[in-house]
Amino acid sequence: MFSKKHRFSFKKGLPNKTKSFPSFTLRYGKNREGGLKTAVVVSKKVHKNASIRNKIKRDILRVLSDKIDKSREANLVFYIKRKALEIANLEDEIEQVLDLIEEI
């Protein structure tokens, strides 16, 4: 899990760039404040049960915290789609995101 200083605040607006993947849509941009800021949004359209939505969030944040360098200056906001429940391996898609972050 990410500490509070690595959580994205929606009060300052959303990142401009978007990229779609089969199981999520990513909004990303450069963080001018320094450090990595992340957020995972799972709506009720994905699943009605809150415990399942929270499990999806925890799984994605766990994979990110294991594979990403937290000193990167980037904002990442993940909007999870319904297909995320069907896709067995989200780690491959998240690794594509890491390649995308290298370009920022």
PDB file of N, CA and C in Angstrom:
ATOM      1  N   MET A   1       0.841  -1.177   0.000  1.00  0.00           N
ATOM      2  CA  MET A   1       0.000   0.000   0.000  1.00  0.00           C
ATOM      3  C   MET A   1       0.888   1.243   0.000  1.00  0.00           C
ATOM      4  N   PHE A   2       0.408   2.261  -0.659  1.00  0.00           N
ATOM      5  CA  PHE A   2       1.148   3.513  -0.736  1.00  0.00           C
ATOM      6  C   PHE A   2       0.865   4.366   0.491  1.00  0.00           C
ATOM      7  N   SER A   3       1.870   5.115   0.904  1.00  0.00           N
ATOM      8  CA  SER A   3       1.674   6.026   2.025  1.00  0.00           C
ATOM      9  C   SER A   3       0.840   7.224   1.570  1.00  0.00           C
ATOM     10  N   LYS A   4       0.437   8.042   2.509  1.00  0.00           N
ATOM     11  CA  LYS A   4      -0.442   9.164   2.208  1.00  0.00           C
ATOM     12  C   LYS A   4       0.198  10.166   1.256  1.00  0.00           C
ATOM     13  N   LYS A   5       1.509  10.337   1.340  1.00  0.00           N
ATOM     14  CA  LYS A   5       2.167  11.307   0.464  1.00  0.00           C
ATOM     15  C   LYS A   5       2.197  10.841  -0.994  1.00  0.00           C
ATOM     16  N   HIS A   6       1.923   9.565  -1.252  1.00  0.00           N
ATOM     17  CA  HIS A   6       1.894   9.045  -2.619  1.00  0.00           C
ATOM     18  C   HIS A   6       0.478   8.896  -3.165  1.00  0.00           C
ATOM     19  N   ARG A   7      -0.522   9.386  -2.438  1.00  0.00           N
ATOM     20  CA  ARG A   7      -1.904   9.307  -2.919  1.00  0.00           C
ATOM     21  C   ARG A   7      -2.256  10.562  -3.706  1.00  0.00           C
ATOM     22  N   PHE A   8      -2.978  10.363  -4.775  1.00  0.00           N
ATOM     23  CA  PHE A   8      -3.377  11.463  -5.648  1.00  0.00           C
ATOM     24  C   PHE A   8      -4.563  12.200  -5.052  1.00  0.00           C
ATOM     25  N   SER A   9      -4.536  13.536  -5.101  1.00  0.00           N
ATOM     26  CA  SER A   9      -5.643  14.355  -4.625  1.00  0.00           C
ATOM     27  C   SER A   9      -6.428  14.864  -5.827  1.00  0.00           C
ATOM     28  N   PHE A  10      -7.722  14.627  -5.828  1.00  0.00           N
ATOM     29  CA  PHE A  10      -8.558  15.036  -6.949  1.00  0.00           C
ATOM     30  C   PHE A  10      -8.926  16.518  -6.893  1.00  0.00           C
ATOM     31  N   LYS A  11      -8.569  17.208  -5.832  1.00  0.00           N
ATOM     32  CA  LYS A  11      -8.909  18.622  -5.686  1.00  0.00           C
ATOM     33  C   LYS A  11      -8.160  19.506  -6.666  1.00  0.00           C
ATOM     34  N   LYS A  12      -6.998  19.079  -7.113  1.00  0.00           N
ATOM     35  CA  LYS A  12      -6.167  19.891  -7.996  1.00  0.00           C
ATOM     36  C   LYS A  12      -6.428  19.609  -9.471  1.00  0.00           C
ATOM     37  N   GLY A  13      -7.375  18.768  -9.783  1.00  0.00           N
ATOM     38  CA  GLY A  13      -7.679  18.439 -11.173  1.00  0.00           C
ATOM     39  C   GLY A  13      -7.047  17.122 -11.587  1.00  0.00           C
ATOM     40  N   LEU A  14      -7.436  16.657 -12.764  1.00  0.00           N
ATOM     41  CA  LEU A  14      -6.969  15.368 -13.269  1.00  0.00           C
ATOM     42  C   LEU A  14      -5.846  15.559 -14.280  1.00  0.00           C
ATOM     43  N   PRO A  15      -4.983  14.563 -14.438  1.00  0.00           N
ATOM     44  CA  PRO A  15      -3.969  14.608 -15.492  1.00  0.00           C
ATOM     45  C   PRO A  15      -4.622  14.634 -16.873  1.00  0.00           C
ATOM     46  N   ASN A  16      -3.933  15.214 -17.841  1.00  0.00           N
ATOM     47  CA  ASN A  16      -4.515  15.438 -19.167  1.00  0.00           C
ATOM     48  C   ASN A  16      -4.448  14.234 -20.093  1.00  0.00           C
ATOM     49  N   LYS A  17      -3.380  13.489 -20.052  1.00  0.00           N
ATOM     50  CA  LYS A  17      -3.183  12.401 -21.009  1.00  0.00           C
ATOM     51  C   LYS A  17      -3.956  11.157 -20.573  1.00  0.00           C
ATOM     52  N   THR A  18      -4.530  10.446 -21.562  1.00  0.00           N
ATOM     53  CA  THR A  18      -5.261   9.212 -21.267  1.00  0.00           C
ATOM     54  C   THR A  18      -4.746   8.088 -22.157  1.00  0.00           C
ATOM     55  N   LYS A  19      -4.835   6.894 -21.630  1.00  0.00           N
ATOM     56  CA  LYS A  19      -4.464   5.692 -22.368  1.00  0.00           C
ATOM     57  C   LYS A  19      -5.417   4.590 -21.942  1.00  0.00           C
ATOM     58  N   SER A  20      -6.010   3.886 -22.907  1.00  0.00           N
ATOM     59  CA  SER A  20      -6.973   2.827 -22.601  1.00  0.00           C
ATOM     60  C   SER A  20      -6.324   1.458 -22.727  1.00  0.00           C
ATOM     61  N   PHE A  21      -6.649   0.615 -21.783  1.00  0.00           N
ATOM     62  CA  PHE A  21      -6.245  -0.778 -21.761  1.00  0.00           C
ATOM     63  C   PHE A  21      -7.513  -1.603 -21.635  1.00  0.00           C
ATOM     64  N   PRO A  22      -7.467  -2.914 -21.888  1.00  0.00           N
ATOM     65  CA  PRO A  22      -8.702  -3.720 -21.797  1.00  0.00           C
ATOM     66  C   PRO A  22      -9.376  -3.701 -20.430  1.00  0.00           C
ATOM     67  N   SER A  23      -8.602  -3.651 -19.354  1.00  0.00           N
ATOM     68  CA  SER A  23      -9.217  -3.718 -18.031  1.00  0.00           C
ATOM     69  C   SER A  23      -9.270  -2.388 -17.287  1.00  0.00           C
ATOM     70  N   PHE A  24      -8.623  -1.360 -17.796  1.00  0.00           N
ATOM     71  CA  PHE A  24      -8.690  -0.052 -17.143  1.00  0.00           C
ATOM     72  C   PHE A  24      -8.328   1.054 -18.108  1.00  0.00           C
ATOM     73  N   THR A  25      -8.682   2.272 -17.739  1.00  0.00           N
ATOM     74  CA  THR A  25      -8.261   3.469 -18.435  1.00  0.00           C
ATOM     75  C   THR A  25      -7.336   4.228 -17.500  1.00  0.00           C
ATOM     76  N   LEU A  26      -6.236   4.701 -18.043  1.00  0.00           N
ATOM     77  CA  LEU A  26      -5.240   5.391 -17.235  1.00  0.00           C
ATOM     78  C   LEU A  26      -5.195   6.856 -17.635  1.00  0.00           C
ATOM     79  N   ARG A  27      -5.259   7.732 -16.641  1.00  0.00           N
ATOM     80  CA  ARG A  27      -4.985   9.153 -16.849  1.00  0.00           C
ATOM     81  C   ARG A  27      -3.645   9.418 -16.191  1.00  0.00           C
ATOM     82  N   TYR A  28      -2.737  10.024 -16.930  1.00  0.00           N
ATOM     83  CA  TYR A  28      -1.393  10.213 -16.417  1.00  0.00           C
ATOM     84  C   TYR A  28      -0.834  11.563 -16.842  1.00  0.00           C
ATOM     85  N   GLY A  29       0.155  11.991 -16.110  1.00  0.00           N
ATOM     86  CA  GLY A  29       0.817  13.241 -16.406  1.00  0.00           C
ATOM     87  C   GLY A  29       2.015  13.421 -15.498  1.00  0.00           C
ATOM     88  N   LYS A  30       2.751  14.486 -15.732  1.00  0.00           N
ATOM     89  CA  LYS A  30       3.931  14.773 -14.925  1.00  0.00           C
ATOM     90  C   LYS A  30       3.508  15.443 -13.629  1.00  0.00           C
ATOM     91  N   ASN A  31       4.130  15.052 -12.542  1.00  0.00           N
ATOM     92  CA  ASN A  31       3.845  15.629 -11.234  1.00  0.00           C
ATOM     93  C   ASN A  31       4.871  16.714 -10.967  1.00  0.00           C
ATOM     94  N   ARG A  32       4.420  17.936 -10.866  1.00  0.00           N
ATOM     95  CA  ARG A  32       5.332  19.065 -10.670  1.00  0.00           C
ATOM     96  C   ARG A  32       5.777  19.211  -9.215  1.00  0.00           C
ATOM     97  N   GLU A  33       5.084  18.543  -8.297  1.00  0.00           N
ATOM     98  CA  GLU A  33       5.415  18.634  -6.882  1.00  0.00           C
ATOM     99  C   GLU A  33       6.513  17.655  -6.497  1.00  0.00           C
ATOM    100  N   GLY A  34       6.807  16.704  -7.346  1.00  0.00           N
ATOM    101  CA  GLY A  34       7.826  15.707  -7.062  1.00  0.00           C
ATOM    102  C   GLY A  34       7.236  14.461  -6.448  1.00  0.00           C
ATOM    103  N   GLY A  35       7.748  13.321  -6.838  1.00  0.00           N
ATOM    104  CA  GLY A  35       7.268  12.056  -6.303  1.00  0.00           C
ATOM    105  C   GLY A  35       6.105  11.494  -7.093  1.00  0.00           C
ATOM    106  N   LEU A  36       5.753  10.283  -6.761  1.00  0.00           N
ATOM    107  CA  LEU A  36       4.685   9.561  -7.436  1.00  0.00           C
ATOM    108  C   LEU A  36       3.365   9.752  -6.698  1.00  0.00           C
ATOM    109  N   LYS A  37       2.288  10.010  -7.437  1.00  0.00           N
ATOM    110  CA  LYS A  37       0.937  10.111  -6.878  1.00  0.00           C
ATOM    111  C   LYS A  37       0.042   9.152  -7.654  1.00  0.00           C
ATOM    112  N   THR A  38      -0.662   8.260  -6.940  1.00  0.00           N
ATOM    113  CA  THR A  38      -1.519   7.273  -7.594  1.00  0.00           C
ATOM    114  C   THR A  38      -2.905   7.252  -6.971  1.00  0.00           C
ATOM    115  N   ALA A  39      -3.880   6.821  -7.780  1.00  0.00           N
ATOM    116  CA  ALA A  39      -5.245   6.605  -7.314  1.00  0.00           C
ATOM    117  C   ALA A  39      -5.861   5.501  -8.163  1.00  0.00           C
ATOM    118  N   VAL A  40      -6.744   4.725  -7.554  1.00  0.00           N
ATOM    119  CA  VAL A  40      -7.484   3.682  -8.256  1.00  0.00           C
ATOM    120  C   VAL A  40      -8.962   3.929  -8.003  1.00  0.00           C
ATOM    121  N   VAL A  41      -9.744   4.059  -9.081  1.00  0.00           N
ATOM    122  CA  VAL A  41     -11.173   4.326  -8.987  1.00  0.00           C
ATOM    123  C   VAL A  41     -11.919   3.113  -9.523  1.00  0.00           C
ATOM    124  N   VAL A  42     -12.764   2.522  -8.671  1.00  0.00           N
ATOM    125  CA  VAL A  42     -13.589   1.373  -9.069  1.00  0.00           C
ATOM    126  C   VAL A  42     -15.031   1.753  -8.754  1.00  0.00           C
ATOM    127  N   SER A  43     -15.845   1.914  -9.785  1.00  0.00           N
ATOM    128  CA  SER A  43     -17.224   2.351  -9.571  1.00  0.00           C
ATOM    129  C   SER A  43     -18.144   1.175  -9.265  1.00  0.00           C
ATOM    130  N   LYS A  44     -19.358   1.501  -8.889  1.00  0.00           N
ATOM    131  CA  LYS A  44     -20.347   0.460  -8.604  1.00  0.00           C
ATOM    132  C   LYS A  44     -20.788  -0.268  -9.859  1.00  0.00           C
ATOM    133  N   LYS A  45     -20.498   0.288 -11.031  1.00  0.00           N
ATOM    134  CA  LYS A  45     -20.820  -0.405 -12.274  1.00  0.00           C
ATOM    135  C   LYS A  45     -19.943  -1.638 -12.464  1.00  0.00           C
ATOM    136  N   VAL A  46     -18.771  -1.627 -11.861  1.00  0.00           N
ATOM    137  CA  VAL A  46     -17.882  -2.779 -11.961  1.00  0.00           C
ATOM    138  C   VAL A  46     -18.438  -3.932 -11.142  1.00  0.00           C
ATOM    139  N   HIS A  47     -18.781  -3.657  -9.881  1.00  0.00           N
ATOM    140  CA  HIS A  47     -19.379  -4.675  -9.014  1.00  0.00           C
ATOM    141  C   HIS A  47     -20.104  -3.973  -7.879  1.00  0.00           C
ATOM    142  N   LYS A  48     -21.245  -4.502  -7.489  1.00  0.00           N
ATOM    143  CA  LYS A  48     -22.040  -3.882  -6.427  1.00  0.00           C
ATOM    144  C   LYS A  48     -21.410  -4.047  -5.054  1.00  0.00           C
ATOM    145  N   ASN A  49     -20.714  -5.160  -4.849  1.00  0.00           N
ATOM    146  CA  ASN A  49     -20.172  -5.486  -3.545  1.00  0.00           C
ATOM    147  C   ASN A  49     -18.896  -4.676  -3.271  1.00  0.00           C
ATOM    148  N   ALA A  50     -18.895  -3.903  -2.189  1.00  0.00           N
ATOM    149  CA  ALA A  50     -17.764  -3.039  -1.864  1.00  0.00           C
ATOM    150  C   ALA A  50     -16.509  -3.823  -1.549  1.00  0.00           C
ATOM    151  N   SER A  51     -16.643  -4.998  -0.972  1.00  0.00           N
ATOM    152  CA  SER A  51     -15.454  -5.777  -0.628  1.00  0.00           C
ATOM    153  C   SER A  51     -14.712  -6.233  -1.889  1.00  0.00           C
ATOM    154  N   ILE A  52     -15.434  -6.522  -2.943  1.00  0.00           N
ATOM    155  CA  ILE A  52     -14.793  -6.916  -4.200  1.00  0.00           C
ATOM    156  C   ILE A  52     -14.129  -5.708  -4.852  1.00  0.00           C
ATOM    157  N   ARG A  53     -14.787  -4.555  -4.808  1.00  0.00           N
ATOM    158  CA  ARG A  53     -14.175  -3.337  -5.341  1.00  0.00           C
ATOM    159  C   ARG A  53     -12.895  -3.000  -4.587  1.00  0.00           C
ATOM    160  N   ASN A  54     -12.908  -3.138  -3.273  1.00  0.00           N
ATOM    161  CA  ASN A  54     -11.715  -2.855  -2.480  1.00  0.00           C
ATOM    162  C   ASN A  54     -10.602  -3.861  -2.757  1.00  0.00           C
ATOM    163  N   LYS A  55     -10.960  -5.111  -3.006  1.00  0.00           N
ATOM    164  CA  LYS A  55      -9.953  -6.122  -3.329  1.00  0.00           C
ATOM    165  C   LYS A  55      -9.261  -5.793  -4.648  1.00  0.00           C
ATOM    166  N   ILE A  56     -10.016  -5.321  -5.620  1.00  0.00           N
ATOM    167  CA  ILE A  56      -9.430  -4.916  -6.898  1.00  0.00           C
ATOM    168  C   ILE A  56      -8.453  -3.769  -6.676  1.00  0.00           C
ATOM    169  N   LYS A  57      -8.857  -2.786  -5.878  1.00  0.00           N
ATOM    170  CA  LYS A  57      -7.964  -1.658  -5.580  1.00  0.00           C
ATOM    171  C   LYS A  57      -6.683  -2.135  -4.907  1.00  0.00           C
ATOM    172  N   ARG A  58      -6.821  -2.992  -3.913  1.00  0.00           N
ATOM    173  CA  ARG A  58      -5.643  -3.484  -3.187  1.00  0.00           C
ATOM    174  C   ARG A  58      -4.713  -4.271  -4.102  1.00  0.00           C
ATOM    175  N   ASP A  59      -5.270  -5.091  -4.981  1.00  0.00           N
ATOM    176  CA  ASP A  59      -4.444  -5.885  -5.897  1.00  0.00           C
ATOM    177  C   ASP A  59      -3.635  -4.990  -6.827  1.00  0.00           C
ATOM    178  N   ILE A  60      -4.277  -3.976  -7.381  1.00  0.00           N
ATOM    179  CA  ILE A  60      -3.582  -3.080  -8.304  1.00  0.00           C
ATOM    180  C   ILE A  60      -2.524  -2.267  -7.569  1.00  0.00           C
ATOM    181  N   LEU A  61      -2.851  -1.748  -6.403  1.00  0.00           N
ATOM    182  CA  LEU A  61      -1.876  -0.972  -5.639  1.00  0.00           C
ATOM    183  C   LEU A  61      -0.709  -1.838  -5.165  1.00  0.00           C
ATOM    184  N   ARG A  62      -0.968  -3.108  -4.857  1.00  0.00           N
ATOM    185  CA  ARG A  62       0.113  -4.007  -4.451  1.00  0.00           C
ATOM    186  C   ARG A  62       1.095  -4.230  -5.594  1.00  0.00           C
ATOM    187  N   VAL A  63       0.568  -4.485  -6.783  1.00  0.00           N
ATOM    188  CA  VAL A  63       1.432  -4.711  -7.942  1.00  0.00           C
ATOM    189  C   VAL A  63       2.228  -3.444  -8.252  1.00  0.00           C
ATOM    190  N   LEU A  64       1.573  -2.295  -8.186  1.00  0.00           N
ATOM    191  CA  LEU A  64       2.268  -1.035  -8.448  1.00  0.00           C
ATOM    192  C   LEU A  64       3.376  -0.785  -7.435  1.00  0.00           C
ATOM    193  N   SER A  65       3.092  -1.006  -6.170  1.00  0.00           N
ATOM    194  CA  SER A  65       4.099  -0.706  -5.147  1.00  0.00           C
ATOM    195  C   SER A  65       5.300  -1.646  -5.255  1.00  0.00           C
ATOM    196  N   ASP A  66       5.089  -2.870  -5.750  1.00  0.00           N
ATOM    197  CA  ASP A  66       6.199  -3.800  -5.923  1.00  0.00           C
ATOM    198  C   ASP A  66       7.069  -3.454  -7.127  1.00  0.00           C
ATOM    199  N   LYS A  67       6.463  -2.938  -8.181  1.00  0.00           N
ATOM    200  CA  LYS A  67       7.185  -2.809  -9.450  1.00  0.00           C
ATOM    201  C   LYS A  67       7.604  -1.395  -9.818  1.00  0.00           C
ATOM    202  N   ILE A  68       7.073  -0.377  -9.145  1.00  0.00           N
ATOM    203  CA  ILE A  68       7.334   0.988  -9.587  1.00  0.00           C
ATOM    204  C   ILE A  68       8.274   1.700  -8.622  1.00  0.00           C
ATOM    205  N   ASP A  69       9.060   2.592  -9.184  1.00  0.00           N
ATOM    206  CA  ASP A  69       9.953   3.426  -8.389  1.00  0.00           C
ATOM    207  C   ASP A  69       9.160   4.627  -7.886  1.00  0.00           C
ATOM    208  N   LYS A  70       9.065   4.790  -6.587  1.00  0.00           N
ATOM    209  CA  LYS A  70       8.223   5.834  -6.000  1.00  0.00           C
ATOM    210  C   LYS A  70       8.828   7.223  -6.119  1.00  0.00           C
ATOM    211  N   SER A  71      10.074   7.317  -6.552  1.00  0.00           N
ATOM    212  CA  SER A  71      10.679   8.632  -6.734  1.00  0.00           C
ATOM    213  C   SER A  71      10.353   9.225  -8.107  1.00  0.00           C
ATOM    214  N   ARG A  72       9.670   8.444  -8.954  1.00  0.00           N
ATOM    215  CA  ARG A  72       9.236   8.929 -10.268  1.00  0.00           C
ATOM    216  C   ARG A  72       8.293  10.106 -10.103  1.00  0.00           C
ATOM    217  N   GLU A  73       8.401  11.097 -10.949  1.00  0.00           N
ATOM    218  CA  GLU A  73       7.533  12.271 -10.885  1.00  0.00           C
ATOM    219  C   GLU A  73       6.381  12.084 -11.859  1.00  0.00           C
ATOM    220  N   ALA A  74       5.317  11.419 -11.386  1.00  0.00           N
ATOM    221  CA  ALA A  74       4.176  11.136 -12.256  1.00  0.00           C
ATOM    222  C   ALA A  74       2.896  11.078 -11.440  1.00  0.00           C
ATOM    223  N   ASN A  75       1.789  11.434 -12.083  1.00  0.00           N
ATOM    224  CA  ASN A  75       0.450  11.258 -11.535  1.00  0.00           C
ATOM    225  C   ASN A  75      -0.211  10.128 -12.309  1.00  0.00           C
ATOM    226  N   LEU A  76      -0.737   9.133 -11.599  1.00  0.00           N
ATOM    227  CA  LEU A  76      -1.409   7.994 -12.230  1.00  0.00           C
ATOM    228  C   LEU A  76      -2.784   7.821 -11.598  1.00  0.00           C
ATOM    229  N   VAL A  77      -3.829   7.852 -12.434  1.00  0.00           N
ATOM    230  CA  VAL A  77      -5.186   7.608 -11.961  1.00  0.00           C
ATOM    231  C   VAL A  77      -5.761   6.479 -12.812  1.00  0.00           C
ATOM    232  N   PHE A  78      -6.071   5.357 -12.172  1.00  0.00           N
ATOM    233  CA  PHE A  78      -6.604   4.177 -12.833  1.00  0.00           C
ATOM    234  C   PHE A  78      -8.120   4.162 -12.676  1.00  0.00           C
ATOM    235  N   TYR A  79      -8.852   4.083 -13.793  1.00  0.00           N
ATOM    236  CA  TYR A  79     -10.303   3.903 -13.792  1.00  0.00           C
ATOM    237  C   TYR A  79     -10.564   2.472 -14.254  1.00  0.00           C
ATOM    238  N   ILE A  80     -10.999   1.631 -13.336  1.00  0.00           N
ATOM    239  CA  ILE A  80     -11.141   0.209 -13.608  1.00  0.00           C
ATOM    240  C   ILE A  80     -12.432  -0.051 -14.389  1.00  0.00           C
ATOM    241  N   LYS A  81     -12.333  -0.949 -15.371  1.00  0.00           N
ATOM    242  CA  LYS A  81     -13.489  -1.349 -16.169  1.00  0.00           C
ATOM    243  C   LYS A  81     -14.020  -2.689 -15.670  1.00  0.00           C
ATOM    244  N   ARG A  82     -15.178  -3.054 -16.137  1.00  0.00           N
ATOM    245  CA  ARG A  82     -15.815  -4.300 -15.727  1.00  0.00           C
ATOM    246  C   ARG A  82     -15.008  -5.524 -16.164  1.00  0.00           C
ATOM    247  N   LYS A  83     -14.265  -5.409 -17.235  1.00  0.00           N
ATOM    248  CA  LYS A  83     -13.472  -6.538 -17.731  1.00  0.00           C
ATOM    249  C   LYS A  83     -12.334  -6.907 -16.788  1.00  0.00           C
ATOM    250  N   ALA A  84     -12.021  -6.072 -15.836  1.00  0.00           N
ATOM    251  CA  ALA A  84     -10.937  -6.365 -14.888  1.00  0.00           C
ATOM    252  C   ALA A  84     -11.267  -7.597 -14.058  1.00  0.00           C
ATOM    253  N   LEU A  85     -12.538  -7.874 -13.856  1.00  0.00           N
ATOM    254  CA  LEU A  85     -12.938  -9.065 -13.109  1.00  0.00           C
ATOM    255  C   LEU A  85     -12.671 -10.335 -13.901  1.00  0.00           C
ATOM    256  N   GLU A  86     -12.745 -10.253 -15.226  1.00  0.00           N
ATOM    257  CA  GLU A  86     -12.582 -11.419 -16.077  1.00  0.00           C
ATOM    258  C   GLU A  86     -11.121 -11.695 -16.418  1.00  0.00           C
ATOM    259  N   ILE A  87     -10.320 -10.651 -16.482  1.00  0.00           N
ATOM    260  CA  ILE A  87      -8.929 -10.806 -16.879  1.00  0.00           C
ATOM    261  C   ILE A  87      -8.140 -11.364 -15.703  1.00  0.00           C
ATOM    262  N   ALA A  88      -7.440 -12.453 -15.947  1.00  0.00           N
ATOM    263  CA  ALA A  88      -6.740 -13.147 -14.868  1.00  0.00           C
ATOM    264  C   ALA A  88      -5.450 -12.437 -14.471  1.00  0.00           C
ATOM    265  N   ASN A  89      -4.771 -11.843 -15.428  1.00  0.00           N
ATOM    266  CA  ASN A  89      -3.456 -11.298 -15.130  1.00  0.00           C
ATOM    267  C   ASN A  89      -3.403  -9.806 -15.430  1.00  0.00           C
ATOM    268  N   LEU A  90      -3.643  -8.995 -14.416  1.00  0.00           N
ATOM    269  CA  LEU A  90      -3.555  -7.545 -14.560  1.00  0.00           C
ATOM    270  C   LEU A  90      -2.107  -7.070 -14.553  1.00  0.00           C
ATOM    271  N   GLU A  91      -1.200  -7.901 -14.078  1.00  0.00           N
ATOM    272  CA  GLU A  91       0.192  -7.492 -13.952  1.00  0.00           C
ATOM    273  C   GLU A  91       0.811  -7.173 -15.309  1.00  0.00           C
ATOM    274  N   ASP A  92       0.413  -7.899 -16.363  1.00  0.00           N
ATOM    275  CA  ASP A  92       0.957  -7.626 -17.693  1.00  0.00           C
ATOM    276  C   ASP A  92       0.562  -6.240 -18.173  1.00  0.00           C
ATOM    277  N   GLU A  93      -0.681  -5.869 -17.938  1.00  0.00           N
ATOM    278  CA  GLU A  93      -1.136  -4.547 -18.346  1.00  0.00           C
ATOM    279  C   GLU A  93      -0.473  -3.454 -17.517  1.00  0.00           C
ATOM    280  N   ILE A  94      -0.253  -3.717 -16.249  1.00  0.00           N
ATOM    281  CA  ILE A  94       0.399  -2.717 -15.401  1.00  0.00           C
ATOM    282  C   ILE A  94       1.858  -2.550 -15.810  1.00  0.00           C
ATOM    283  N   GLU A  95       2.494  -3.610 -16.281  1.00  0.00           N
ATOM    284  CA  GLU A  95       3.861  -3.483 -16.786  1.00  0.00           C
ATOM    285  C   GLU A  95       3.902  -2.613 -18.040  1.00  0.00           C
ATOM    286  N   GLN A  96       2.849  -2.648 -18.865  1.00  0.00           N
ATOM    287  CA  GLN A  96       2.761  -1.749 -20.007  1.00  0.00           C
ATOM    288  C   GLN A  96       2.676  -0.305 -19.531  1.00  0.00           C
ATOM    289  N   VAL A  97       1.989  -0.094 -18.416  1.00  0.00           N
ATOM    290  CA  VAL A  97       1.893   1.251 -17.842  1.00  0.00           C
ATOM    291  C   VAL A  97       3.271   1.728 -17.402  1.00  0.00           C
ATOM    292  N   LEU A  98       4.059   0.843 -16.824  1.00  0.00           N
ATOM    293  CA  LEU A  98       5.396   1.218 -16.384  1.00  0.00           C
ATOM    294  C   LEU A  98       6.266   1.638 -17.554  1.00  0.00           C
ATOM    295  N   ASP A  99       6.103   0.989 -18.701  1.00  0.00           N
ATOM    296  CA  ASP A  99       6.823   1.400 -19.902  1.00  0.00           C
ATOM    297  C   ASP A  99       6.366   2.783 -20.351  1.00  0.00           C
ATOM    298  N   LEU A 100       5.093   3.060 -20.198  1.00  0.00           N
ATOM    299  CA  LEU A 100       4.540   4.355 -20.564  1.00  0.00           C
ATOM    300  C   LEU A 100       5.087   5.450 -19.664  1.00  0.00           C
ATOM    301  N   ILE A 101       5.262   5.150 -18.394  1.00  0.00           N
ATOM    302  CA  ILE A 101       5.762   6.130 -17.438  1.00  0.00           C
ATOM    303  C   ILE A 101       7.203   6.510 -17.759  1.00  0.00           C
ATOM    304  N   GLU A 102       7.965   5.585 -18.305  1.00  0.00           N
ATOM    305  CA  GLU A 102       9.343   5.866 -18.662  1.00  0.00           C
ATOM    306  C   GLU A 102       9.424   6.994 -19.670  1.00  0.00           C
ATOM    307  N   GLU A 103       8.369   7.164 -20.496  1.00  0.00           N
ATOM    308  CA  GLU A 103       8.348   8.203 -21.521  1.00  0.00           C
ATOM    309  C   GLU A 103       8.038   9.584 -20.955  1.00  0.00           C
ATOM    310  N   ILE A 104       7.453   9.645 -19.769  1.00  0.00           N
ATOM    311  CA  ILE A 104       7.068  10.949 -19.182  1.00  0.00           C
ATOM    312  C   ILE A 104       8.295  11.724 -18.798  1.00  0.00           C
TER     313      ILE A 104
END
